[in-house]
Amino acid sequence: MSNNGPASERGLTMVVQCKTHCPHMSVRRNLPFGLGNFRMPRNAIGRRVDSVAKLLHIDKLLGRRPRQLSGGQRQLVAIGRAIVRKSIIFLFDESHSHLDAELRLQMRVEISSLDAELGNKMIYVTHDQIEAMTVADGSVVLRDGNVEQIGKPLDFRNHPANKFVAGFIDAPQMNFLSGTLGDSVLNFDSGMTRSASHSAAGSHKITFGIRQEEIEVSLEGDGNGQVEVRNFEQLGSLSNIYAGIPNGDTLSVQLDRQIPLQRGQITGFSYDTNIFHKFGEDGRVLEQANG
């Protein structure tokens, strides 16, 4: 990639979220918009447009104008404009954030298919963690313009470099519990105390992180402690539980099954202390969790 020379010669095309189509022009005329500057023969442009339209399954829309298209169709036209130019790199700047959930899912599938078929490099900017986890082969997590971690999407979930990355991935986010670690004992600020297979010389202030699905719930009250169900979401095959712990914080739990719940209900919960992620006072990871 080079910043030297005219922008038109760098092989980069941006697919943005705003409406950039010419409203008075058909899809057939919007797709090759700008190619005239390259002095391409008209019949060559036409062949390229037909080929791209067929690839994106919008060949039946070539006669329509932007106002006659759905949000997803307009987005495909925007992607088509990048493909028509035969760019080396496509830049997606939150290009799907204005679409509803169903269309975003459709566009994720389309982009993944195009990535495999075209082989072009795609740089994708998004605040949607689902997009980041499903579309990318490699990702960069940024905060305030600084790089927090570089790696494959699952690296951020399984081996986060710091508390910010750990909390960015997943919804609901990872549970963070403050406490200290020393002499094989975990002392939580909530008042709970647990033995641990690891230890530290002295007593160190630590934030412990554990994901929702790594916590088990017992309706009989068994486990490491008891919590009060504040709220819950039954999502078919999943149950999200938001429970209060003694210091007033909320512990989020995700089960892969349905269970009978009521607000105010007291349940038991359990977890394996060996799978905790541990973060120091500066937020950096101290020790990778097992698994």
C-alpha atoms as a PDB file:
ATOM      1  CA  MET A   1       0.000   0.000   0.000  1.00  0.00           C
ATOM      2  CA  SER A   2       1.308   3.449  -0.887  1.00  0.00           C
ATOM      3  CA  ASN A   3       0.315   7.004  -0.099  1.00  0.00           C
ATOM      4  CA  ASN A   4       2.269   8.229  -3.098  1.00  0.00           C
ATOM      5  CA  GLY A   5       0.649   9.002  -6.416  1.00  0.00           C
ATOM      6  CA  PRO A   6      -2.975   9.789  -7.301  1.00  0.00           C
ATOM      7  CA  ALA A   7      -5.652   8.088  -5.193  1.00  0.00           C
ATOM      8  CA  SER A   8      -7.157   6.585  -8.343  1.00  0.00           C
ATOM      9  CA  GLU A   9      -3.981   4.555  -8.912  1.00  0.00           C
ATOM     10  CA  ARG A  10      -3.596   3.041  -5.438  1.00  0.00           C
ATOM     11  CA  GLY A  11      -5.960   0.122  -5.959  1.00  0.00           C
ATOM     12  CA  LEU A  12      -8.099   1.029  -2.934  1.00  0.00           C
ATOM     13  CA  THR A  13     -11.874   1.427  -2.848  1.00  0.00           C
ATOM     14  CA  MET A  14     -13.951   2.390   0.191  1.00  0.00           C
ATOM     15  CA  VAL A  15     -17.411   0.943   0.817  1.00  0.00           C
ATOM     16  CA  VAL A  16     -19.049   3.390   3.227  1.00  0.00           C
ATOM     17  CA  GLN A  17     -22.278   3.259   5.223  1.00  0.00           C
ATOM     18  CA  CYS A  18     -23.708   6.501   3.870  1.00  0.00           C
ATOM     19  CA  LYS A  19     -25.751   6.728   0.679  1.00  0.00           C
ATOM     20  CA  THR A  20     -23.321   7.446  -2.139  1.00  0.00           C
ATOM     21  CA  HIS A  21     -25.352   6.255  -5.117  1.00  0.00           C
ATOM     22  CA  CYS A  22     -26.460   8.792  -7.712  1.00  0.00           C
ATOM     23  CA  PRO A  23     -30.259   8.869  -7.214  1.00  0.00           C
ATOM     24  CA  HIS A  24     -31.056   9.758 -10.837  1.00  0.00           C
ATOM     25  CA  MET A  25     -29.003   6.885 -12.281  1.00  0.00           C
ATOM     26  CA  SER A  26     -29.901   3.214 -12.646  1.00  0.00           C
ATOM     27  CA  VAL A  27     -27.922   0.424 -11.000  1.00  0.00           C
ATOM     28  CA  ARG A  28     -26.332  -0.285 -14.384  1.00  0.00           C
ATOM     29  CA  ARG A  29     -24.975   3.259 -14.499  1.00  0.00           C
ATOM     30  CA  ASN A  30     -24.108   3.446 -10.779  1.00  0.00           C
ATOM     31  CA  LEU A  31     -21.958   0.311 -10.788  1.00  0.00           C
ATOM     32  CA  PRO A  32     -19.271   1.608 -13.188  1.00  0.00           C
ATOM     33  CA  PHE A  33     -19.467   5.201 -11.954  1.00  0.00           C
ATOM     34  CA  GLY A  34     -15.996   6.698 -12.243  1.00  0.00           C
ATOM     35  CA  LEU A  35     -14.627   4.144 -14.692  1.00  0.00           C
ATOM     36  CA  GLY A  36     -14.920   6.732 -17.436  1.00  0.00           C
ATOM     37  CA  ASN A  37     -11.864   8.408 -15.951  1.00  0.00           C
ATOM     38  CA  PHE A  38      -9.862   5.321 -16.947  1.00  0.00           C
ATOM     39  CA  ARG A  39     -10.924   5.712 -20.594  1.00  0.00           C
ATOM     40  CA  MET A  40     -12.228   2.167 -20.790  1.00  0.00           C
ATOM     41  CA  PRO A  41     -14.189   1.208 -23.921  1.00  0.00           C
ATOM     42  CA  ARG A  42     -17.934   1.253 -23.317  1.00  0.00           C
ATOM     43  CA  ASN A  43     -18.413  -2.391 -24.323  1.00  0.00           C
ATOM     44  CA  ALA A  44     -15.671  -3.475 -21.884  1.00  0.00           C
ATOM     45  CA  ILE A  45     -17.394  -1.567 -19.083  1.00  0.00           C
ATOM     46  CA  GLY A  46     -20.697  -3.219 -19.984  1.00  0.00           C
ATOM     47  CA  ARG A  47     -19.200  -6.705 -19.838  1.00  0.00           C
ATOM     48  CA  ARG A  48     -17.620  -5.987 -16.472  1.00  0.00           C
ATOM     49  CA  VAL A  49     -20.900  -4.637 -15.059  1.00  0.00           C
ATOM     50  CA  ASP A  50     -22.827  -7.707 -16.259  1.00  0.00           C
ATOM     51  CA  SER A  51     -20.231 -10.025 -14.728  1.00  0.00           C
ATOM     52  CA  VAL A  52     -20.249  -8.275 -11.336  1.00  0.00           C
ATOM     53  CA  ALA A  53     -24.046  -8.033 -11.249  1.00  0.00           C
ATOM     54  CA  LYS A  54     -24.299 -11.776 -11.824  1.00  0.00           C
ATOM     55  CA  LEU A  55     -21.703 -12.452  -9.137  1.00  0.00           C
ATOM     56  CA  LEU A  56     -23.698 -10.415  -6.589  1.00  0.00           C
ATOM     57  CA  HIS A  57     -27.080 -11.733  -7.778  1.00  0.00           C
ATOM     58  CA  ILE A  58     -28.287  -8.231  -8.624  1.00  0.00           C
ATOM     59  CA  ASP A  59     -28.449  -8.729 -12.396  1.00  0.00           C
ATOM     60  CA  LYS A  60     -32.247  -8.393 -12.273  1.00  0.00           C
ATOM     61  CA  LEU A  61     -31.918  -5.001 -10.569  1.00  0.00           C
ATOM     62  CA  LEU A  62     -29.783  -3.269 -13.189  1.00  0.00           C
ATOM     63  CA  GLY A  63     -32.689  -1.181 -14.479  1.00  0.00           C
ATOM     64  CA  ARG A  64     -33.753   0.104 -11.053  1.00  0.00           C
ATOM     65  CA  ARG A  65     -32.786   3.346  -9.347  1.00  0.00           C
ATOM     66  CA  PRO A  66     -31.473   3.495  -5.749  1.00  0.00           C
ATOM     67  CA  ARG A  67     -34.850   4.509  -4.275  1.00  0.00           C
ATOM     68  CA  GLN A  68     -36.341   1.286  -5.672  1.00  0.00           C
ATOM     69  CA  LEU A  69     -33.828  -0.895  -3.802  1.00  0.00           C
ATOM     70  CA  SER A  70     -33.864  -2.306  -0.279  1.00  0.00           C
ATOM     71  CA  GLY A  71     -31.091  -1.451   2.176  1.00  0.00           C
ATOM     72  CA  GLY A  72     -29.337  -4.739   1.511  1.00  0.00           C
ATOM     73  CA  GLN A  73     -29.585  -4.305  -2.258  1.00  0.00           C
ATOM     74  CA  ARG A  74     -28.111  -0.803  -2.060  1.00  0.00           C
ATOM     75  CA  GLN A  75     -25.239  -2.223  -0.027  1.00  0.00           C
ATOM     76  CA  LEU A  76     -24.589  -4.879  -2.662  1.00  0.00           C
ATOM     77  CA  VAL A  77     -24.472  -2.158  -5.312  1.00  0.00           C
ATOM     78  CA  ALA A  78     -21.885  -0.294  -3.205  1.00  0.00           C
ATOM     79  CA  ILE A  79     -19.789  -3.459  -2.991  1.00  0.00           C
ATOM     80  CA  GLY A  80     -20.291  -3.986  -6.715  1.00  0.00           C
ATOM     81  CA  ARG A  81     -18.807  -0.575  -7.461  1.00  0.00           C
ATOM     82  CA  ALA A  82     -15.636  -1.627  -5.650  1.00  0.00           C
ATOM     83  CA  ILE A  83     -15.460  -4.934  -7.542  1.00  0.00           C
ATOM     84  CA  VAL A  84     -16.075  -3.303 -10.921  1.00  0.00           C
ATOM     85  CA  ARG A  85     -13.004  -1.135 -10.390  1.00  0.00           C
ATOM     86  CA  LYS A  86     -10.954  -4.297  -9.759  1.00  0.00           C
ATOM     87  CA  SER A  87      -9.477  -2.790  -6.618  1.00  0.00           C
ATOM     88  CA  ILE A  88      -6.731  -4.632  -4.773  1.00  0.00           C
ATOM     89  CA  ILE A  89      -8.082  -3.718  -1.336  1.00  0.00           C
ATOM     90  CA  PHE A  90     -11.648  -2.998  -0.221  1.00  0.00           C
ATOM     91  CA  LEU A  91     -12.138  -0.726   2.796  1.00  0.00           C
ATOM     92  CA  PHE A  92     -15.436  -1.270   4.634  1.00  0.00           C
ATOM     93  CA  ASP A  93     -16.112   1.623   7.030  1.00  0.00           C
ATOM     94  CA  GLU A  94     -18.973   0.326   9.213  1.00  0.00           C
ATOM     95  CA  SER A  95     -20.798  -0.182   5.956  1.00  0.00           C
ATOM     96  CA  HIS A  96     -23.570  -2.316   7.482  1.00  0.00           C
ATOM     97  CA  SER A  97     -24.297  -0.469  10.728  1.00  0.00           C
ATOM     98  CA  HIS A  98     -27.448   1.164   9.329  1.00  0.00           C
ATOM     99  CA  LEU A  99     -29.011  -2.158   8.285  1.00  0.00           C
ATOM    100  CA  ASP A 100     -31.400  -4.142  10.471  1.00  0.00           C
ATOM    101  CA  ALA A 101     -30.268  -7.374  12.138  1.00  0.00           C
ATOM    102  CA  GLU A 102     -31.542  -9.710   9.412  1.00  0.00           C
ATOM    103  CA  LEU A 103     -29.873  -7.719   6.621  1.00  0.00           C
ATOM    104  CA  ARG A 104     -26.594  -7.497   8.564  1.00  0.00           C
ATOM    105  CA  LEU A 105     -26.584 -11.289   8.816  1.00  0.00           C
ATOM    106  CA  GLN A 106     -27.245 -11.549   5.082  1.00  0.00           C
ATOM    107  CA  MET A 107     -24.420  -9.135   4.294  1.00  0.00           C
ATOM    108  CA  ARG A 108     -21.973 -11.020   6.542  1.00  0.00           C
ATOM    109  CA  VAL A 109     -22.696 -14.190   4.580  1.00  0.00           C
ATOM    110  CA  GLU A 110     -22.343 -12.357   1.255  1.00  0.00           C
ATOM    111  CA  ILE A 111     -19.018 -10.765   2.209  1.00  0.00           C
ATOM    112  CA  SER A 112     -17.568 -14.045   3.482  1.00  0.00           C
ATOM    113  CA  SER A 113     -18.540 -15.717   0.198  1.00  0.00           C
ATOM    114  CA  LEU A 114     -17.059 -12.869  -1.849  1.00  0.00           C
ATOM    115  CA  ASP A 115     -13.847 -12.959   0.157  1.00  0.00           C
ATOM    116  CA  ALA A 116     -13.400 -16.638  -0.669  1.00  0.00           C
ATOM    117  CA  GLU A 117     -14.325 -16.188  -4.334  1.00  0.00           C
ATOM    118  CA  LEU A 118     -12.460 -12.984  -5.195  1.00  0.00           C
ATOM    119  CA  GLY A 119      -9.358 -13.326  -3.044  1.00  0.00           C
ATOM    120  CA  ASN A 120      -9.107  -9.546  -2.575  1.00  0.00           C
ATOM    121  CA  LYS A 121      -7.899  -8.057   0.677  1.00  0.00           C
ATOM    122  CA  MET A 122     -10.716  -6.584   2.761  1.00  0.00           C
ATOM    123  CA  ILE A 123     -10.183  -4.188   5.663  1.00  0.00           C
ATOM    124  CA  TYR A 124     -13.333  -4.027   7.738  1.00  0.00           C
ATOM    125  CA  VAL A 125     -14.016  -1.391  10.411  1.00  0.00           C
ATOM    126  CA  THR A 126     -16.816  -2.310  12.811  1.00  0.00           C
ATOM    127  CA  HIS A 127     -18.040  -1.852  16.386  1.00  0.00           C
ATOM    128  CA  ASP A 128     -20.136  -5.022  16.008  1.00  0.00           C
ATOM    129  CA  GLN A 129     -18.252  -7.842  17.713  1.00  0.00           C
ATOM    130  CA  ILE A 130     -20.307 -10.496  15.894  1.00  0.00           C
ATOM    131  CA  GLU A 131     -19.118  -9.097  12.563  1.00  0.00           C
ATOM    132  CA  ALA A 132     -15.561  -8.988  13.862  1.00  0.00           C
ATOM    133  CA  MET A 133     -15.718 -12.603  15.027  1.00  0.00           C
ATOM    134  CA  THR A 134     -17.412 -14.074  11.946  1.00  0.00           C
ATOM    135  CA  VAL A 135     -16.095 -12.140   8.940  1.00  0.00           C
ATOM    136  CA  ALA A 136     -12.401 -11.675   9.707  1.00  0.00           C
ATOM    137  CA  ASP A 137      -9.445 -14.014   9.283  1.00  0.00           C
ATOM    138  CA  GLY A 138      -7.337 -11.673  11.398  1.00  0.00           C
ATOM    139  CA  SER A 139      -8.353  -8.688  13.517  1.00  0.00           C
ATOM    140  CA  VAL A 140      -7.008  -5.674  15.357  1.00  0.00           C
ATOM    141  CA  VAL A 141      -8.715  -4.323  18.486  1.00  0.00           C
ATOM    142  CA  LEU A 142      -8.280  -0.543  18.783  1.00  0.00           C
ATOM    143  CA  ARG A 143      -9.015   1.808  21.676  1.00  0.00           C
ATOM    144  CA  ASP A 144      -8.571   5.568  21.343  1.00  0.00           C
ATOM    145  CA  GLY A 145      -6.398   4.983  18.287  1.00  0.00           C
ATOM    146  CA  ASN A 146      -4.068   2.570  20.085  1.00  0.00           C
ATOM    147  CA  VAL A 147      -3.642  -1.113  19.211  1.00  0.00           C
ATOM    148  CA  GLU A 148      -4.733  -3.296  22.133  1.00  0.00           C
ATOM    149  CA  GLN A 149      -4.286  -6.707  20.496  1.00  0.00           C
ATOM    150  CA  ILE A 150      -3.668  -8.301  17.088  1.00  0.00           C
ATOM    151  CA  GLY A 151      -4.635 -11.869  16.276  1.00  0.00           C
ATOM    152  CA  LYS A 152      -7.302 -14.239  15.066  1.00  0.00           C
ATOM    153  CA  PRO A 153     -10.849 -13.510  16.299  1.00  0.00           C
ATOM    154  CA  LEU A 154     -10.911 -16.404  18.780  1.00  0.00           C
ATOM    155  CA  ASP A 155      -7.606 -15.235  20.298  1.00  0.00           C
ATOM    156  CA  PHE A 156      -9.407 -12.198  21.719  1.00  0.00           C
ATOM    157  CA  ARG A 157     -11.923 -14.434  23.430  1.00  0.00           C
ATOM    158  CA  ASN A 158      -9.690 -17.244  24.622  1.00  0.00           C
ATOM    159  CA  HIS A 159      -6.469 -15.320  25.276  1.00  0.00           C
ATOM    160  CA  PRO A 160      -7.256 -11.601  25.748  1.00  0.00           C
ATOM    161  CA  ALA A 161      -4.219  -9.384  26.234  1.00  0.00           C
ATOM    162  CA  ASN A 162      -5.987  -7.145  28.745  1.00  0.00           C
ATOM    163  CA  LYS A 163      -9.263  -6.419  30.493  1.00  0.00           C
ATOM    164  CA  PHE A 164     -10.499  -4.103  27.732  1.00  0.00           C
ATOM    165  CA  VAL A 165     -10.207  -6.804  25.058  1.00  0.00           C
ATOM    166  CA  ALA A 166     -11.755  -9.404  27.362  1.00  0.00           C
ATOM    167  CA  GLY A 167     -14.756  -7.161  27.990  1.00  0.00           C
ATOM    168  CA  PHE A 168     -15.155  -6.140  24.354  1.00  0.00           C
ATOM    169  CA  ILE A 169     -15.845  -9.662  23.104  1.00  0.00           C
ATOM    170  CA  ASP A 170     -19.166 -11.372  23.937  1.00  0.00           C
ATOM    171  CA  ALA A 171     -22.581 -10.089  24.942  1.00  0.00           C
ATOM    172  CA  PRO A 172     -23.215 -10.120  27.824  1.00  0.00           C
ATOM    173  CA  GLN A 173     -19.554  -9.354  28.447  1.00  0.00           C
ATOM    174  CA  MET A 174     -17.185 -11.289  30.679  1.00  0.00           C
ATOM    175  CA  ASN A 175     -17.859 -11.099  34.425  1.00  0.00           C
ATOM    176  CA  PHE A 176     -15.209  -9.088  36.280  1.00  0.00           C
ATOM    177  CA  LEU A 177     -14.786  -9.681  40.021  1.00  0.00           C
ATOM    178  CA  SER A 178     -12.336  -7.632  42.095  1.00  0.00           C
ATOM    179  CA  GLY A 179     -10.252  -9.239  44.802  1.00  0.00           C
ATOM    180  CA  THR A 180      -6.813 -10.387  45.882  1.00  0.00           C
ATOM    181  CA  LEU A 181      -4.721 -13.487  45.257  1.00  0.00           C
ATOM    182  CA  GLY A 182      -2.214 -14.838  47.746  1.00  0.00           C
ATOM    183  CA  ASP A 183      -1.122 -18.083  49.392  1.00  0.00           C
ATOM    184  CA  SER A 184      -3.418 -20.254  47.217  1.00  0.00           C
ATOM    185  CA  VAL A 185      -6.493 -18.283  48.284  1.00  0.00           C
ATOM    186  CA  LEU A 186      -8.794 -16.060  46.217  1.00  0.00           C
ATOM    187  CA  ASN A 187     -10.368 -13.309  48.305  1.00  0.00           C
ATOM    188  CA  PHE A 188     -13.165 -11.527  46.444  1.00  0.00           C
ATOM    189  CA  ASP A 189     -14.277  -8.022  47.414  1.00  0.00           C
ATOM    190  CA  SER A 190     -17.806  -9.419  47.544  1.00  0.00           C
ATOM    191  CA  GLY A 191     -16.806 -11.332  50.675  1.00  0.00           C
ATOM    192  CA  MET A 192     -16.405 -14.739  49.053  1.00  0.00           C
ATOM    193  CA  THR A 193     -13.216 -16.729  49.622  1.00  0.00           C
ATOM    194  CA  ARG A 194     -12.085 -19.651  47.479  1.00  0.00           C
ATOM    195  CA  SER A 195      -9.043 -21.900  47.449  1.00  0.00           C
ATOM    196  CA  ALA A 196      -6.917 -21.905  44.298  1.00  0.00           C
ATOM    197  CA  SER A 197      -4.330 -24.233  42.827  1.00  0.00           C
ATOM    198  CA  HIS A 198      -2.057 -21.249  42.106  1.00  0.00           C
ATOM    199  CA  SER A 199      -0.635 -18.701  44.501  1.00  0.00           C
ATOM    200  CA  ALA A 200       1.314 -15.467  44.610  1.00  0.00           C
ATOM    201  CA  ALA A 201       3.919 -14.183  47.003  1.00  0.00           C
ATOM    202  CA  GLY A 202       2.146 -11.716  49.238  1.00  0.00           C
ATOM    203  CA  SER A 203      -1.291 -10.358  48.456  1.00  0.00           C
ATOM    204  CA  HIS A 204      -1.945  -8.773  45.054  1.00  0.00           C
ATOM    205  CA  LYS A 205      -4.940  -6.721  43.943  1.00  0.00           C
ATOM    206  CA  ILE A 206      -6.413  -8.506  40.948  1.00  0.00           C
ATOM    207  CA  THR A 207      -9.485  -8.460  38.726  1.00  0.00           C
ATOM    208  CA  PHE A 208     -10.753 -11.959  38.001  1.00  0.00           C
ATOM    209  CA  GLY A 209     -12.600 -12.582  34.743  1.00  0.00           C
ATOM    210  CA  ILE A 210     -14.916 -15.468  33.928  1.00  0.00           C
ATOM    211  CA  ARG A 211     -17.303 -15.872  31.026  1.00  0.00           C
ATOM    212  CA  GLN A 212     -21.022 -16.480  31.422  1.00  0.00           C
ATOM    213  CA  GLU A 213     -21.027 -20.020  30.032  1.00  0.00           C
ATOM    214  CA  GLU A 214     -18.272 -21.092  32.456  1.00  0.00           C
ATOM    215  CA  ILE A 215     -20.611 -20.694  35.439  1.00  0.00           C
ATOM    216  CA  GLU A 216     -23.103 -23.394  36.392  1.00  0.00           C
ATOM    217  CA  VAL A 217     -26.370 -22.798  38.248  1.00  0.00           C
ATOM    218  CA  SER A 218     -28.100 -25.116  40.704  1.00  0.00           C
ATOM    219  CA  LEU A 219     -31.777 -24.624  41.541  1.00  0.00           C
ATOM    220  CA  GLU A 220     -31.151 -26.666  44.704  1.00  0.00           C
ATOM    221  CA  GLY A 221     -28.663 -24.065  45.955  1.00  0.00           C
ATOM    222  CA  ASP A 222     -25.552 -26.226  45.607  1.00  0.00           C
ATOM    223  CA  GLY A 223     -22.152 -24.891  44.527  1.00  0.00           C
ATOM    224  CA  ASN A 224     -19.584 -22.270  45.513  1.00  0.00           C
ATOM    225  CA  GLY A 225     -22.181 -19.819  46.773  1.00  0.00           C
ATOM    226  CA  GLN A 226     -25.689 -18.471  46.355  1.00  0.00           C
ATOM    227  CA  VAL A 227     -27.046 -15.582  44.306  1.00  0.00           C
ATOM    228  CA  GLU A 228     -30.392 -13.885  43.780  1.00  0.00           C
ATOM    229  CA  VAL A 229     -31.911 -13.891  40.291  1.00  0.00           C
ATOM    230  CA  ARG A 230     -32.487 -10.232  39.372  1.00  0.00           C
ATOM    231  CA  ASN A 231     -33.499 -10.787  35.780  1.00  0.00           C
ATOM    232  CA  PHE A 232     -33.343 -13.448  33.087  1.00  0.00           C
ATOM    233  CA  GLU A 233     -33.848 -13.970  29.356  1.00  0.00           C
ATOM    234  CA  GLN A 234     -35.196 -17.199  27.889  1.00  0.00           C
ATOM    235  CA  LEU A 235     -33.868 -17.388  24.311  1.00  0.00           C
ATOM    236  CA  GLY A 236     -35.071 -20.801  23.227  1.00  0.00           C
ATOM    237  CA  SER A 237     -32.016 -23.025  23.539  1.00  0.00           C
ATOM    238  CA  LEU A 238     -30.224 -20.464  25.748  1.00  0.00           C
ATOM    239  CA  SER A 239     -30.980 -18.883  29.115  1.00  0.00           C
ATOM    240  CA  ASN A 240     -29.268 -15.660  30.210  1.00  0.00           C
ATOM    241  CA  ILE A 241     -29.377 -15.044  33.961  1.00  0.00           C
ATOM    242  CA  TYR A 242     -28.427 -11.797  35.732  1.00  0.00           C
ATOM    243  CA  ALA A 243     -27.869 -12.514  39.408  1.00  0.00           C
ATOM    244  CA  GLY A 244     -26.925 -10.345  42.362  1.00  0.00           C
ATOM    245  CA  ILE A 245     -23.884 -11.244  44.458  1.00  0.00           C
ATOM    246  CA  PRO A 246     -23.330 -10.115  48.093  1.00  0.00           C
ATOM    247  CA  ASN A 247     -21.525  -6.833  47.293  1.00  0.00           C
ATOM    248  CA  GLY A 248     -24.307  -5.707  44.964  1.00  0.00           C
ATOM    249  CA  ASP A 249     -22.567  -6.473  41.671  1.00  0.00           C
ATOM    250  CA  THR A 250     -24.291  -8.468  38.948  1.00  0.00           C
ATOM    251  CA  LEU A 251     -23.069 -11.865  37.796  1.00  0.00           C
ATOM    252  CA  SER A 252     -24.201 -12.864  34.285  1.00  0.00           C
ATOM    253  CA  VAL A 253     -24.644 -16.545  33.469  1.00  0.00           C
ATOM    254  CA  GLN A 254     -25.501 -18.242  30.184  1.00  0.00           C
ATOM    255  CA  LEU A 255     -26.879 -21.784  30.155  1.00  0.00           C
ATOM    256  CA  ASP A 256     -27.332 -23.947  27.052  1.00  0.00           C
ATOM    257  CA  ARG A 257     -30.775 -25.054  28.213  1.00  0.00           C
ATOM    258  CA  GLN A 258     -34.063 -23.763  29.580  1.00  0.00           C
ATOM    259  CA  ILE A 259     -34.667 -23.833  33.331  1.00  0.00           C
ATOM    260  CA  PRO A 260     -37.606 -22.545  35.402  1.00  0.00           C
ATOM    261  CA  LEU A 261     -36.712 -19.159  36.916  1.00  0.00           C
ATOM    262  CA  GLN A 262     -38.360 -16.351  38.864  1.00  0.00           C
ATOM    263  CA  ARG A 263     -37.102 -12.915  39.826  1.00  0.00           C
ATOM    264  CA  GLY A 264     -35.944 -12.931  43.432  1.00  0.00           C
ATOM    265  CA  GLN A 265     -35.231 -16.660  43.332  1.00  0.00           C
ATOM    266  CA  ILE A 266     -32.148 -17.851  45.264  1.00  0.00           C
ATOM    267  CA  THR A 267     -29.949 -20.272  43.323  1.00  0.00           C
ATOM    268  CA  GLY A 268     -26.554 -21.845  43.809  1.00  0.00           C
ATOM    269  CA  PHE A 269     -23.679 -21.252  41.425  1.00  0.00           C
ATOM    270  CA  SER A 270     -20.339 -22.922  40.826  1.00  0.00           C
ATOM    271  CA  TYR A 271     -17.202 -22.403  38.740  1.00  0.00           C
ATOM    272  CA  ASP A 272     -13.662 -23.683  38.399  1.00  0.00           C
ATOM    273  CA  THR A 273     -11.183 -21.140  39.774  1.00  0.00           C
ATOM    274  CA  ASN A 274      -8.512 -22.513  37.430  1.00  0.00           C
ATOM    275  CA  ILE A 275     -10.285 -21.053  34.376  1.00  0.00           C
ATOM    276  CA  PHE A 276     -10.316 -17.475  35.685  1.00  0.00           C
ATOM    277  CA  HIS A 277      -8.564 -14.837  33.609  1.00  0.00           C
ATOM    278  CA  LYS A 278      -6.501 -12.579  35.874  1.00  0.00           C
ATOM    279  CA  PHE A 279      -5.794  -8.907  35.243  1.00  0.00           C
ATOM    280  CA  GLY A 280      -3.525  -6.572  37.192  1.00  0.00           C
ATOM    281  CA  GLU A 281      -4.351  -3.063  38.349  1.00  0.00           C
ATOM    282  CA  ASP A 282      -3.150  -1.718  34.991  1.00  0.00           C
ATOM    283  CA  GLY A 283      -5.630  -3.992  33.195  1.00  0.00           C
ATOM    284  CA  ARG A 284      -3.001  -6.229  31.611  1.00  0.00           C
ATOM    285  CA  VAL A 285      -3.396  -9.984  31.740  1.00  0.00           C
ATOM    286  CA  LEU A 286      -1.335 -11.626  34.482  1.00  0.00           C
ATOM    287  CA  GLU A 287      -1.925 -15.247  33.635  1.00  0.00           C
ATOM    288  CA  GLN A 288      -3.742 -16.926  30.778  1.00  0.00           C
ATOM    289  CA  ALA A 289      -6.705 -19.040  31.779  1.00  0.00           C
ATOM    290  CA  ASN A 290      -6.601 -22.728  30.987  1.00  0.00           C
ATOM    291  CA  GLY A 291      -8.306 -23.862  27.789  1.00  0.00           C
END
